[in-house]
């Protein structure tokens, strides 16, 4: 899994799948180099465990514009409670020091946008922004059973018929600043332990937390800021890579390239992963080769064929 069910607190039977990040994507809009597309997918195997976004949660994209692992821009997504089969979304934009904080303030870009629970596509537009939220086909592709069977892959795509809840934002690159080289990650905040904005899940690079953390480390990794990644996890990541056959020097170099857990993205480039991440990027093949030091290079699975050529790009749900 890329980040599906990645922490002990987010596993059945006690999990709340609606706050579990599956994947994030960032890529230049096809046919328009002046815009970018951000996709945040949550709720694995939807609607089996949860049939809506969480009304108490803040879903958030963080954007680092100066390579300090601190956000200077944030996009925040909140949702009403689902009532009589309906739910609405609000999108906020915030810049400056407040973007690095936890909260729900910000300039409102969209308000009361209907969430879709079927094949329909409801797209909201505001200036140069476009927004969609709803159930969609999971674009992630991976032979999960082969992974669990000692990396003995058969090419059976576990996620071919699975759904997620997607948040898709089209935005002008000018809103991301003049420096095209960015760092992007997503997180989910919920009320917990007396904190109204407790960080319960986080993701930047695909497959990272799954491959290199176990047990309670997954929760810790999800709940800290990227600025703490190297201090808390550099030694553990290095040792995991050494166990996979890396020399000490190369393991340290690779661990440094993986931490902090932030997705590198240059909005001036059409390239895919590790420049952002496209819906068709075969990140499993890339990460398998990296984490096994070249011993395993493919799971024999390719991109899904139900992706759309236009916004919101993620395919129709399997209902």
C-alpha atoms as a PDB file:
ATOM      1  CA  UNK A   1       0.000   0.000   0.000  1.00  0.00           C
ATOM      2  CA  UNK A   2       1.225   3.535  -0.631  1.00  0.00           C
ATOM      3  CA  UNK A   3      -0.088   4.891   2.675  1.00  0.00           C
ATOM      4  CA  UNK A   4      -3.379   3.016   3.104  1.00  0.00           C
ATOM      5  CA  UNK A   5      -3.977   1.769   6.679  1.00  0.00           C
ATOM      6  CA  UNK A   6      -0.496   2.867   7.660  1.00  0.00           C
ATOM      7  CA  UNK A   7      -0.776   3.242  11.451  1.00  0.00           C
ATOM      8  CA  UNK A   8      -1.986   1.099  14.359  1.00  0.00           C
ATOM      9  CA  UNK A   9      -4.621   3.710  15.279  1.00  0.00           C
ATOM     10  CA  UNK A  10      -6.037   3.487  11.756  1.00  0.00           C
ATOM     11  CA  UNK A  11      -6.681  -0.231  11.404  1.00  0.00           C
ATOM     12  CA  UNK A  12      -9.950  -2.156  11.727  1.00  0.00           C
ATOM     13  CA  UNK A  13     -12.016  -2.595  13.784  1.00  0.00           C
ATOM     14  CA  UNK A  14     -11.412   0.708  15.580  1.00  0.00           C
ATOM     15  CA  UNK A  15     -10.207   2.802  12.651  1.00  0.00           C
ATOM     16  CA  UNK A  16     -11.889   5.835  11.169  1.00  0.00           C
ATOM     17  CA  UNK A  17     -11.062   5.350   7.503  1.00  0.00           C
ATOM     18  CA  UNK A  18     -12.375   8.804   6.619  1.00  0.00           C
ATOM     19  CA  UNK A  19      -9.267  10.382   8.191  1.00  0.00           C
ATOM     20  CA  UNK A  20      -6.757   7.910   6.735  1.00  0.00           C
ATOM     21  CA  UNK A  21      -4.643   9.346   3.917  1.00  0.00           C
ATOM     22  CA  UNK A  22      -4.135   6.931   1.013  1.00  0.00           C
ATOM     23  CA  UNK A  23      -2.072   8.985  -1.455  1.00  0.00           C
ATOM     24  CA  UNK A  24      -1.214  12.499  -2.542  1.00  0.00           C
ATOM     25  CA  UNK A  25      -0.397  13.671  -6.055  1.00  0.00           C
ATOM     26  CA  UNK A  26       0.979  16.917  -7.494  1.00  0.00           C
ATOM     27  CA  UNK A  27       1.472  17.524 -11.200  1.00  0.00           C
ATOM     28  CA  UNK A  28       1.411  20.213 -13.858  1.00  0.00           C
ATOM     29  CA  UNK A  29      -2.034  20.518 -15.408  1.00  0.00           C
ATOM     30  CA  UNK A  30      -2.049  18.724 -18.774  1.00  0.00           C
ATOM     31  CA  UNK A  31      -2.113  21.326 -21.523  1.00  0.00           C
ATOM     32  CA  UNK A  32      -1.610  24.306 -19.197  1.00  0.00           C
ATOM     33  CA  UNK A  33       1.855  24.960 -17.782  1.00  0.00           C
ATOM     34  CA  UNK A  34       0.497  27.835 -15.684  1.00  0.00           C
ATOM     35  CA  UNK A  35      -1.545  25.613 -13.393  1.00  0.00           C
ATOM     36  CA  UNK A  36      -1.034  22.669 -11.063  1.00  0.00           C
ATOM     37  CA  UNK A  37      -3.248  19.841  -9.849  1.00  0.00           C
ATOM     38  CA  UNK A  38      -3.194  18.628  -6.244  1.00  0.00           C
ATOM     39  CA  UNK A  39      -4.981  15.401  -5.295  1.00  0.00           C
ATOM     40  CA  UNK A  40      -5.503  14.096  -1.772  1.00  0.00           C
ATOM     41  CA  UNK A  41      -7.109  10.656  -1.505  1.00  0.00           C
ATOM     42  CA  UNK A  42      -8.448   9.338   1.796  1.00  0.00           C
ATOM     43  CA  UNK A  43     -10.709   6.520   3.004  1.00  0.00           C
ATOM     44  CA  UNK A  44      -9.288   3.252   1.615  1.00  0.00           C
ATOM     45  CA  UNK A  45     -11.743   0.697   0.245  1.00  0.00           C
ATOM     46  CA  UNK A  46     -14.537   3.287   0.373  1.00  0.00           C
ATOM     47  CA  UNK A  47     -17.338   3.080   1.286  1.00  0.00           C
ATOM     48  CA  UNK A  48     -16.679  -0.153   3.229  1.00  0.00           C
ATOM     49  CA  UNK A  49     -15.325   1.488   6.390  1.00  0.00           C
ATOM     50  CA  UNK A  50     -16.613   5.064   5.935  1.00  0.00           C
ATOM     51  CA  UNK A  51     -19.104   6.586   3.506  1.00  0.00           C
ATOM     52  CA  UNK A  52     -18.150  10.292   3.743  1.00  0.00           C
ATOM     53  CA  UNK A  53     -15.462  12.751   4.730  1.00  0.00           C
ATOM     54  CA  UNK A  54     -15.127  13.358   8.485  1.00  0.00           C
ATOM     55  CA  UNK A  55     -17.075  16.424   9.611  1.00  0.00           C
ATOM     56  CA  UNK A  56     -14.773  16.998  12.587  1.00  0.00           C
ATOM     57  CA  UNK A  57     -11.543  16.854  10.553  1.00  0.00           C
ATOM     58  CA  UNK A  58      -9.387  19.393   8.761  1.00  0.00           C
ATOM     59  CA  UNK A  59      -7.767  17.943   5.636  1.00  0.00           C
ATOM     60  CA  UNK A  60      -4.784  19.981   4.575  1.00  0.00           C
ATOM     61  CA  UNK A  61      -2.132  20.472   1.921  1.00  0.00           C
ATOM     62  CA  UNK A  62       1.081  22.075   3.176  1.00  0.00           C
ATOM     63  CA  UNK A  63       3.457  23.842   0.770  1.00  0.00           C
ATOM     64  CA  UNK A  64       7.079  24.668   1.578  1.00  0.00           C
ATOM     65  CA  UNK A  65       8.395  27.358  -0.766  1.00  0.00           C
ATOM     66  CA  UNK A  66      11.967  27.785   0.524  1.00  0.00           C
ATOM     67  CA  UNK A  67      13.233  24.279   1.348  1.00  0.00           C
ATOM     68  CA  UNK A  68      13.104  24.591   5.153  1.00  0.00           C
ATOM     69  CA  UNK A  69      10.476  21.864   5.731  1.00  0.00           C
ATOM     70  CA  UNK A  70       8.124  24.527   7.096  1.00  0.00           C
ATOM     71  CA  UNK A  71       4.903  25.471   5.291  1.00  0.00           C
ATOM     72  CA  UNK A  72       4.474  28.985   3.947  1.00  0.00           C
ATOM     73  CA  UNK A  73       1.210  28.129   2.163  1.00  0.00           C
ATOM     74  CA  UNK A  74      -1.669  25.866   3.179  1.00  0.00           C
ATOM     75  CA  UNK A  75      -4.950  24.744   1.648  1.00  0.00           C
ATOM     76  CA  UNK A  76      -7.523  23.515   4.158  1.00  0.00           C
ATOM     77  CA  UNK A  77     -10.608  21.430   3.413  1.00  0.00           C
ATOM     78  CA  UNK A  78     -13.490  20.945   5.835  1.00  0.00           C
ATOM     79  CA  UNK A  79     -16.825  19.192   5.450  1.00  0.00           C
ATOM     80  CA  UNK A  80     -20.291  19.353   6.899  1.00  0.00           C
ATOM     81  CA  UNK A  81     -21.851  16.303   8.472  1.00  0.00           C
ATOM     82  CA  UNK A  82     -23.444  13.944   5.975  1.00  0.00           C
ATOM     83  CA  UNK A  83     -27.194  14.279   6.278  1.00  0.00           C
ATOM     84  CA  UNK A  84     -29.845  12.689   4.070  1.00  0.00           C
ATOM     85  CA  UNK A  85     -27.121  11.510   1.719  1.00  0.00           C
ATOM     86  CA  UNK A  86     -25.633  14.983   1.280  1.00  0.00           C
ATOM     87  CA  UNK A  87     -22.406  16.640   2.428  1.00  0.00           C
ATOM     88  CA  UNK A  88     -20.722  19.930   1.521  1.00  0.00           C
ATOM     89  CA  UNK A  89     -17.113  21.133   1.438  1.00  0.00           C
ATOM     90  CA  UNK A  90     -15.362  24.413   2.241  1.00  0.00           C
ATOM     91  CA  UNK A  91     -11.865  25.273   0.992  1.00  0.00           C
ATOM     92  CA  UNK A  92      -9.580  27.812   2.649  1.00  0.00           C
ATOM     93  CA  UNK A  93      -6.226  29.275   1.574  1.00  0.00           C
ATOM     94  CA  UNK A  94      -3.685  30.708   3.984  1.00  0.00           C
ATOM     95  CA  UNK A  95      -0.184  32.149   3.570  1.00  0.00           C
ATOM     96  CA  UNK A  96       2.618  33.235   5.884  1.00  0.00           C
ATOM     97  CA  UNK A  97       3.400  32.101   9.413  1.00  0.00           C
ATOM     98  CA  UNK A  98      -0.171  30.932  10.063  1.00  0.00           C
ATOM     99  CA  UNK A  99       0.179  28.388   7.266  1.00  0.00           C
ATOM    100  CA  UNK A 100       2.588  26.450   9.456  1.00  0.00           C
ATOM    101  CA  UNK A 101       0.140  26.308  12.335  1.00  0.00           C
ATOM    102  CA  UNK A 102      -2.813  24.121  13.155  1.00  0.00           C
ATOM    103  CA  UNK A 103      -6.257  25.609  12.791  1.00  0.00           C
ATOM    104  CA  UNK A 104      -9.081  26.316  10.430  1.00  0.00           C
ATOM    105  CA  UNK A 105      -8.639  29.966   9.559  1.00  0.00           C
ATOM    106  CA  UNK A 106      -7.906  31.237   6.067  1.00  0.00           C
ATOM    107  CA  UNK A 107      -9.383  32.963   3.055  1.00  0.00           C
ATOM    108  CA  UNK A 108     -12.455  31.066   1.852  1.00  0.00           C
ATOM    109  CA  UNK A 109     -12.041  30.001  -1.782  1.00  0.00           C
ATOM    110  CA  UNK A 110     -15.082  27.709  -1.936  1.00  0.00           C
ATOM    111  CA  UNK A 111     -18.030  27.285   0.404  1.00  0.00           C
ATOM    112  CA  UNK A 112     -20.791  24.665   0.552  1.00  0.00           C
ATOM    113  CA  UNK A 113     -19.639  22.731  -2.516  1.00  0.00           C
ATOM    114  CA  UNK A 114     -21.614  19.455  -2.808  1.00  0.00           C
ATOM    115  CA  UNK A 115     -19.659  16.235  -2.284  1.00  0.00           C
ATOM    116  CA  UNK A 116     -20.485  13.544  -4.847  1.00  0.00           C
ATOM    117  CA  UNK A 117     -21.386  10.018  -3.750  1.00  0.00           C
ATOM    118  CA  UNK A 118     -21.922   8.488  -7.194  1.00  0.00           C
ATOM    119  CA  UNK A 119     -20.512   8.742 -10.712  1.00  0.00           C
ATOM    120  CA  UNK A 120     -21.494  12.415 -11.032  1.00  0.00           C
ATOM    121  CA  UNK A 121     -18.822  15.106 -11.210  1.00  0.00           C
ATOM    122  CA  UNK A 122     -19.629  18.396  -9.501  1.00  0.00           C
ATOM    123  CA  UNK A 123     -16.869  20.906 -10.252  1.00  0.00           C
ATOM    124  CA  UNK A 124     -16.772  24.275  -8.484  1.00  0.00           C
ATOM    125  CA  UNK A 125     -14.908  27.198 -10.036  1.00  0.00           C
ATOM    126  CA  UNK A 126     -13.636  30.413  -8.431  1.00  0.00           C
ATOM    127  CA  UNK A 127     -11.297  32.570 -10.481  1.00  0.00           C
ATOM    128  CA  UNK A 128      -8.314  30.448 -11.520  1.00  0.00           C
ATOM    129  CA  UNK A 129      -9.236  27.685  -9.030  1.00  0.00           C
ATOM    130  CA  UNK A 130     -11.294  24.549  -9.602  1.00  0.00           C
ATOM    131  CA  UNK A 131     -12.346  22.071  -6.906  1.00  0.00           C
ATOM    132  CA  UNK A 132     -13.915  18.634  -6.643  1.00  0.00           C
ATOM    133  CA  UNK A 133     -14.604  16.312  -3.709  1.00  0.00           C
ATOM    134  CA  UNK A 134     -16.250  12.907  -3.750  1.00  0.00           C
ATOM    135  CA  UNK A 135     -15.952   9.146  -4.120  1.00  0.00           C
ATOM    136  CA  UNK A 136     -13.761   8.024  -7.021  1.00  0.00           C
ATOM    137  CA  UNK A 137     -11.845   5.018  -8.309  1.00  0.00           C
ATOM    138  CA  UNK A 138      -8.569   4.547  -6.429  1.00  0.00           C
ATOM    139  CA  UNK A 139      -5.774   5.311  -8.945  1.00  0.00           C
ATOM    140  CA  UNK A 140      -3.163   3.506  -6.840  1.00  0.00           C
ATOM    141  CA  UNK A 141      -1.931   0.256  -8.401  1.00  0.00           C
ATOM    142  CA  UNK A 142      -0.058  -2.478  -6.550  1.00  0.00           C
ATOM    143  CA  UNK A 143       0.095  -6.251  -6.089  1.00  0.00           C
ATOM    144  CA  UNK A 144      -0.464  -6.136  -2.334  1.00  0.00           C
ATOM    145  CA  UNK A 145      -0.803  -9.889  -1.916  1.00  0.00           C
ATOM    146  CA  UNK A 146       2.556 -10.395  -3.608  1.00  0.00           C
ATOM    147  CA  UNK A 147       4.078  -7.829  -1.264  1.00  0.00           C
ATOM    148  CA  UNK A 148       2.749  -9.673   1.770  1.00  0.00           C
ATOM    149  CA  UNK A 149       3.997 -12.953   0.269  1.00  0.00           C
ATOM    150  CA  UNK A 150       7.676 -12.074   0.526  1.00  0.00           C
ATOM    151  CA  UNK A 151       7.727  -9.848  -2.597  1.00  0.00           C
ATOM    152  CA  UNK A 152       6.616 -12.753  -4.806  1.00  0.00           C
ATOM    153  CA  UNK A 153       4.620 -10.684  -7.288  1.00  0.00           C
ATOM    154  CA  UNK A 154       2.139 -12.100  -9.789  1.00  0.00           C
ATOM    155  CA  UNK A 155       0.831  -8.838 -11.287  1.00  0.00           C
ATOM    156  CA  UNK A 156      -2.582  -9.041  -9.602  1.00  0.00           C
ATOM    157  CA  UNK A 157      -3.659  -5.467  -8.895  1.00  0.00           C
ATOM    158  CA  UNK A 158      -5.308  -5.388  -5.468  1.00  0.00           C
ATOM    159  CA  UNK A 159      -6.638  -1.866  -6.033  1.00  0.00           C
ATOM    160  CA  UNK A 160      -8.097  -2.269  -9.516  1.00  0.00           C
ATOM    161  CA  UNK A 161     -11.694  -2.243  -8.265  1.00  0.00           C
ATOM    162  CA  UNK A 162     -11.265  -0.149  -5.103  1.00  0.00           C
ATOM    163  CA  UNK A 163     -12.538   3.350  -4.275  1.00  0.00           C
ATOM    164  CA  UNK A 164     -11.305   6.323  -2.289  1.00  0.00           C
ATOM    165  CA  UNK A 165     -12.649   9.749  -1.404  1.00  0.00           C
ATOM    166  CA  UNK A 166     -10.810  12.346  -3.482  1.00  0.00           C
ATOM    167  CA  UNK A 167     -10.072  16.010  -2.873  1.00  0.00           C
ATOM    168  CA  UNK A 168      -8.881  17.580  -6.134  1.00  0.00           C
ATOM    169  CA  UNK A 169      -7.730  21.198  -6.420  1.00  0.00           C
ATOM    170  CA  UNK A 170      -6.645  22.971  -9.597  1.00  0.00           C
ATOM    171  CA  UNK A 171      -4.738  26.136  -8.819  1.00  0.00           C
ATOM    172  CA  UNK A 172      -2.641  28.783 -10.573  1.00  0.00           C
ATOM    173  CA  UNK A 173       1.092  28.369 -10.142  1.00  0.00           C
ATOM    174  CA  UNK A 174       1.237  32.051  -9.229  1.00  0.00           C
ATOM    175  CA  UNK A 175      -0.505  31.127  -5.962  1.00  0.00           C
ATOM    176  CA  UNK A 176       2.486  28.924  -5.107  1.00  0.00           C
ATOM    177  CA  UNK A 177       5.051  31.730  -5.361  1.00  0.00           C
ATOM    178  CA  UNK A 178       7.766  32.689  -7.813  1.00  0.00           C
ATOM    179  CA  UNK A 179      10.078  29.801  -6.899  1.00  0.00           C
ATOM    180  CA  UNK A 180       8.806  26.822  -8.889  1.00  0.00           C
ATOM    181  CA  UNK A 181      10.630  24.277  -6.720  1.00  0.00           C
ATOM    182  CA  UNK A 182       8.385  23.332  -3.825  1.00  0.00           C
ATOM    183  CA  UNK A 183       7.841  20.762  -1.127  1.00  0.00           C
ATOM    184  CA  UNK A 184       4.323  19.412  -0.601  1.00  0.00           C
ATOM    185  CA  UNK A 185       2.750  17.154   1.986  1.00  0.00           C
ATOM    186  CA  UNK A 186      -0.732  16.494   3.352  1.00  0.00           C
ATOM    187  CA  UNK A 187      -2.080  15.906   6.802  1.00  0.00           C
ATOM    188  CA  UNK A 188      -5.360  15.384   8.657  1.00  0.00           C
ATOM    189  CA  UNK A 189      -6.219  17.078  11.953  1.00  0.00           C
ATOM    190  CA  UNK A 190      -8.947  15.918  14.355  1.00  0.00           C
ATOM    191  CA  UNK A 191     -10.062  16.728  17.910  1.00  0.00           C
ATOM    192  CA  UNK A 192      -8.181  14.381  20.217  1.00  0.00           C
ATOM    193  CA  UNK A 193      -6.683  14.369  23.716  1.00  0.00           C
ATOM    194  CA  UNK A 194      -7.992  17.858  24.409  1.00  0.00           C
ATOM    195  CA  UNK A 195      -6.379  19.256  21.265  1.00  0.00           C
ATOM    196  CA  UNK A 196      -8.923  20.521  18.711  1.00  0.00           C
ATOM    197  CA  UNK A 197      -6.353  20.118  15.911  1.00  0.00           C
ATOM    198  CA  UNK A 198      -4.435  16.922  16.652  1.00  0.00           C
ATOM    199  CA  UNK A 199      -2.413  15.653  13.681  1.00  0.00           C
ATOM    200  CA  UNK A 200      -3.550  12.053  13.160  1.00  0.00           C
ATOM    201  CA  UNK A 201      -2.058  11.307   9.723  1.00  0.00           C
ATOM    202  CA  UNK A 202       0.552  12.731   7.381  1.00  0.00           C
ATOM    203  CA  UNK A 203       2.040  11.856   3.993  1.00  0.00           C
ATOM    204  CA  UNK A 204       4.591  13.221   1.548  1.00  0.00           C
ATOM    205  CA  UNK A 205       6.504  10.605  -0.434  1.00  0.00           C
ATOM    206  CA  UNK A 206       4.623   7.448  -1.444  1.00  0.00           C
ATOM    207  CA  UNK A 207       5.294   4.114   0.256  1.00  0.00           C
ATOM    208  CA  UNK A 208       7.768   5.610   2.740  1.00  0.00           C
ATOM    209  CA  UNK A 209       5.988   5.047   6.036  1.00  0.00           C
ATOM    210  CA  UNK A 210       4.843   1.588   4.962  1.00  0.00           C
ATOM    211  CA  UNK A 211       8.303   0.344   3.986  1.00  0.00           C
ATOM    212  CA  UNK A 212      10.494   1.817   6.687  1.00  0.00           C
ATOM    213  CA  UNK A 213       8.411   2.042   9.849  1.00  0.00           C
ATOM    214  CA  UNK A 214       6.793  -0.617  11.985  1.00  0.00           C
ATOM    215  CA  UNK A 215       4.527  -0.658  15.017  1.00  0.00           C
ATOM    216  CA  UNK A 216       4.207   2.476  17.085  1.00  0.00           C
ATOM    217  CA  UNK A 217       6.822   4.223  14.929  1.00  0.00           C
ATOM    218  CA  UNK A 218       4.096   4.660  12.325  1.00  0.00           C
ATOM    219  CA  UNK A 219       1.962   6.687  14.723  1.00  0.00           C
ATOM    220  CA  UNK A 220       4.909   8.815  15.782  1.00  0.00           C
ATOM    221  CA  UNK A 221       5.876   9.456  12.170  1.00  0.00           C
ATOM    222  CA  UNK A 222       2.314  10.489  11.313  1.00  0.00           C
ATOM    223  CA  UNK A 223       2.016  12.890  14.225  1.00  0.00           C
ATOM    224  CA  UNK A 224       5.242  14.918  13.975  1.00  0.00           C
ATOM    225  CA  UNK A 225       6.205  17.814  11.753  1.00  0.00           C
ATOM    226  CA  UNK A 226       8.632  17.158   8.859  1.00  0.00           C
ATOM    227  CA  UNK A 227      11.246  19.276  10.645  1.00  0.00           C
ATOM    228  CA  UNK A 228      11.649  16.452  13.190  1.00  0.00           C
ATOM    229  CA  UNK A 229      11.945  13.589  10.687  1.00  0.00           C
ATOM    230  CA  UNK A 230      15.707  13.409  10.473  1.00  0.00           C
ATOM    231  CA  UNK A 231      16.275  13.741  14.207  1.00  0.00           C
ATOM    232  CA  UNK A 232      13.849  10.961  15.103  1.00  0.00           C
ATOM    233  CA  UNK A 233      14.118   8.618  12.119  1.00  0.00           C
ATOM    234  CA  UNK A 234      17.401   9.136  10.274  1.00  0.00           C
ATOM    235  CA  UNK A 235      19.232   6.374  12.182  1.00  0.00           C
ATOM    236  CA  UNK A 236      16.344   3.916  11.847  1.00  0.00           C
ATOM    237  CA  UNK A 237      15.937   4.552   8.132  1.00  0.00           C
ATOM    238  CA  UNK A 238      19.691   4.185   7.601  1.00  0.00           C
ATOM    239  CA  UNK A 239      19.764   0.865   9.430  1.00  0.00           C
ATOM    240  CA  UNK A 240      16.809  -0.454   7.420  1.00  0.00           C
ATOM    241  CA  UNK A 241      18.608   0.385   4.190  1.00  0.00           C
ATOM    242  CA  UNK A 242      21.834  -1.229   5.398  1.00  0.00           C
ATOM    243  CA  UNK A 243      19.803  -4.372   6.118  1.00  0.00           C
ATOM    244  CA  UNK A 244      18.673  -4.246   2.481  1.00  0.00           C
ATOM    245  CA  UNK A 245      22.256  -4.360   1.241  1.00  0.00           C
ATOM    246  CA  UNK A 246      23.288  -0.717   1.109  1.00  0.00           C
ATOM    247  CA  UNK A 247      26.729   0.343   2.242  1.00  0.00           C
ATOM    248  CA  UNK A 248      26.741   2.613   5.282  1.00  0.00           C
ATOM    249  CA  UNK A 249      27.645   5.615   3.121  1.00  0.00           C
ATOM    250  CA  UNK A 250      24.967   4.964   0.514  1.00  0.00           C
ATOM    251  CA  UNK A 251      22.365   4.166   3.172  1.00  0.00           C
ATOM    252  CA  UNK A 252      23.000   7.480   4.879  1.00  0.00           C
ATOM    253  CA  UNK A 253      22.873   9.344   1.579  1.00  0.00           C
ATOM    254  CA  UNK A 254      19.616   7.644   0.590  1.00  0.00           C
ATOM    255  CA  UNK A 255      18.024   8.250   3.987  1.00  0.00           C
ATOM    256  CA  UNK A 256      18.896  11.934   3.686  1.00  0.00           C
ATOM    257  CA  UNK A 257      17.187  12.027   0.295  1.00  0.00           C
ATOM    258  CA  UNK A 258      14.019  10.485   1.788  1.00  0.00           C
ATOM    259  CA  UNK A 259      13.799  12.675   4.872  1.00  0.00           C
ATOM    260  CA  UNK A 260      12.067  14.912   5.606  1.00  0.00           C
ATOM    261  CA  UNK A 261       8.981  13.179   4.205  1.00  0.00           C
ATOM    262  CA  UNK A 262       8.020  15.875   1.717  1.00  0.00           C
ATOM    263  CA  UNK A 263       7.091  15.422  -1.938  1.00  0.00           C
ATOM    264  CA  UNK A 264       9.442  17.451  -4.155  1.00  0.00           C
ATOM    265  CA  UNK A 265       7.560  19.300  -6.896  1.00  0.00           C
ATOM    266  CA  UNK A 266       8.686  21.737  -9.584  1.00  0.00           C
ATOM    267  CA  UNK A 267       5.607  23.248 -11.190  1.00  0.00           C
ATOM    268  CA  UNK A 268       7.666  24.341 -14.208  1.00  0.00           C
ATOM    269  CA  UNK A 269       8.385  20.710 -15.119  1.00  0.00           C
ATOM    270  CA  UNK A 270       6.207  18.068 -16.781  1.00  0.00           C
ATOM    271  CA  UNK A 271       8.288  15.258 -15.307  1.00  0.00           C
ATOM    272  CA  UNK A 272       6.714  12.796 -12.900  1.00  0.00           C
ATOM    273  CA  UNK A 273       8.011  11.221  -9.703  1.00  0.00           C
ATOM    274  CA  UNK A 274      10.414  12.337  -8.113  1.00  0.00           C
ATOM    275  CA  UNK A 275       9.094  15.607  -9.438  1.00  0.00           C
ATOM    276  CA  UNK A 276       5.694  15.634  -7.808  1.00  0.00           C
ATOM    277  CA  UNK A 277       3.627  12.580  -8.620  1.00  0.00           C
ATOM    278  CA  UNK A 278       1.289  11.843 -11.516  1.00  0.00           C
ATOM    279  CA  UNK A 279      -1.647   9.454 -11.310  1.00  0.00           C
ATOM    280  CA  UNK A 280       0.145   7.129 -13.736  1.00  0.00           C
ATOM    281  CA  UNK A 281       3.581   7.161 -12.080  1.00  0.00           C
ATOM    282  CA  UNK A 282       4.661   3.624 -11.170  1.00  0.00           C
ATOM    283  CA  UNK A 283       5.936   4.578  -7.756  1.00  0.00           C
ATOM    284  CA  UNK A 284       5.854   0.982  -6.509  1.00  0.00           C
ATOM    285  CA  UNK A 285       8.436  -0.125  -9.069  1.00  0.00           C
ATOM    286  CA  UNK A 286      10.560   2.924  -8.244  1.00  0.00           C
ATOM    287  CA  UNK A 287      10.343   2.460  -4.492  1.00  0.00           C
ATOM    288  CA  UNK A 288      10.775  -1.314  -4.568  1.00  0.00           C
ATOM    289  CA  UNK A 289      14.031  -0.883  -6.463  1.00  0.00           C
ATOM    290  CA  UNK A 290      15.141   1.771  -3.989  1.00  0.00           C
ATOM    291  CA  UNK A 291      14.208  -0.048  -0.788  1.00  0.00           C
ATOM    292  CA  UNK A 292      15.594  -3.423  -1.924  1.00  0.00           C
ATOM    293  CA  UNK A 293      18.771  -1.917  -3.386  1.00  0.00           C
ATOM    294  CA  UNK A 294      17.799  -3.157  -6.839  1.00  0.00           C
ATOM    295  CA  UNK A 295      16.980  -6.727  -5.825  1.00  0.00           C
ATOM    296  CA  UNK A 296      13.301  -6.274  -6.770  1.00  0.00           C
ATOM    297  CA  UNK A 297      12.342  -3.828  -9.505  1.00  0.00           C
ATOM    298  CA  UNK A 298       8.669  -4.458 -10.319  1.00  0.00           C
ATOM    299  CA  UNK A 299       5.388  -5.809  -8.986  1.00  0.00           C
ATOM    300  CA  UNK A 300       4.229  -6.395 -12.599  1.00  0.00           C
ATOM    301  CA  UNK A 301       1.272  -4.003 -12.247  1.00  0.00           C
ATOM    302  CA  UNK A 302       0.608  -0.904 -14.371  1.00  0.00           C
ATOM    303  CA  UNK A 303      -1.576   2.225 -14.239  1.00  0.00           C
ATOM    304  CA  UNK A 304      -5.351   2.027 -14.244  1.00  0.00           C
ATOM    305  CA  UNK A 305      -7.210   2.634 -17.484  1.00  0.00           C
ATOM    306  CA  UNK A 306     -10.195   4.501 -15.999  1.00  0.00           C
ATOM    307  CA  UNK A 307      -8.398   7.812 -15.411  1.00  0.00           C
ATOM    308  CA  UNK A 308      -9.949  10.901 -16.989  1.00  0.00           C
ATOM    309  CA  UNK A 309      -8.163  13.189 -19.440  1.00  0.00           C
ATOM    310  CA  UNK A 310      -9.761  16.246 -17.850  1.00  0.00           C
ATOM    311  CA  UNK A 311     -10.496  17.551 -14.359  1.00  0.00           C
ATOM    312  CA  UNK A 312     -10.820  15.939 -11.838  1.00  0.00           C
ATOM    313  CA  UNK A 313      -8.675  13.240 -13.565  1.00  0.00           C
ATOM    314  CA  UNK A 314      -9.456  10.441 -11.082  1.00  0.00           C
ATOM    315  CA  UNK A 315     -11.762   7.824 -12.550  1.00  0.00           C
ATOM    316  CA  UNK A 316     -15.422   7.040 -11.762  1.00  0.00           C
ATOM    317  CA  UNK A 317     -16.104   4.948  -8.652  1.00  0.00           C
ATOM    318  CA  UNK A 318     -16.860   1.229  -8.612  1.00  0.00           C
ATOM    319  CA  UNK A 319     -20.379   1.167  -7.190  1.00  0.00           C
END
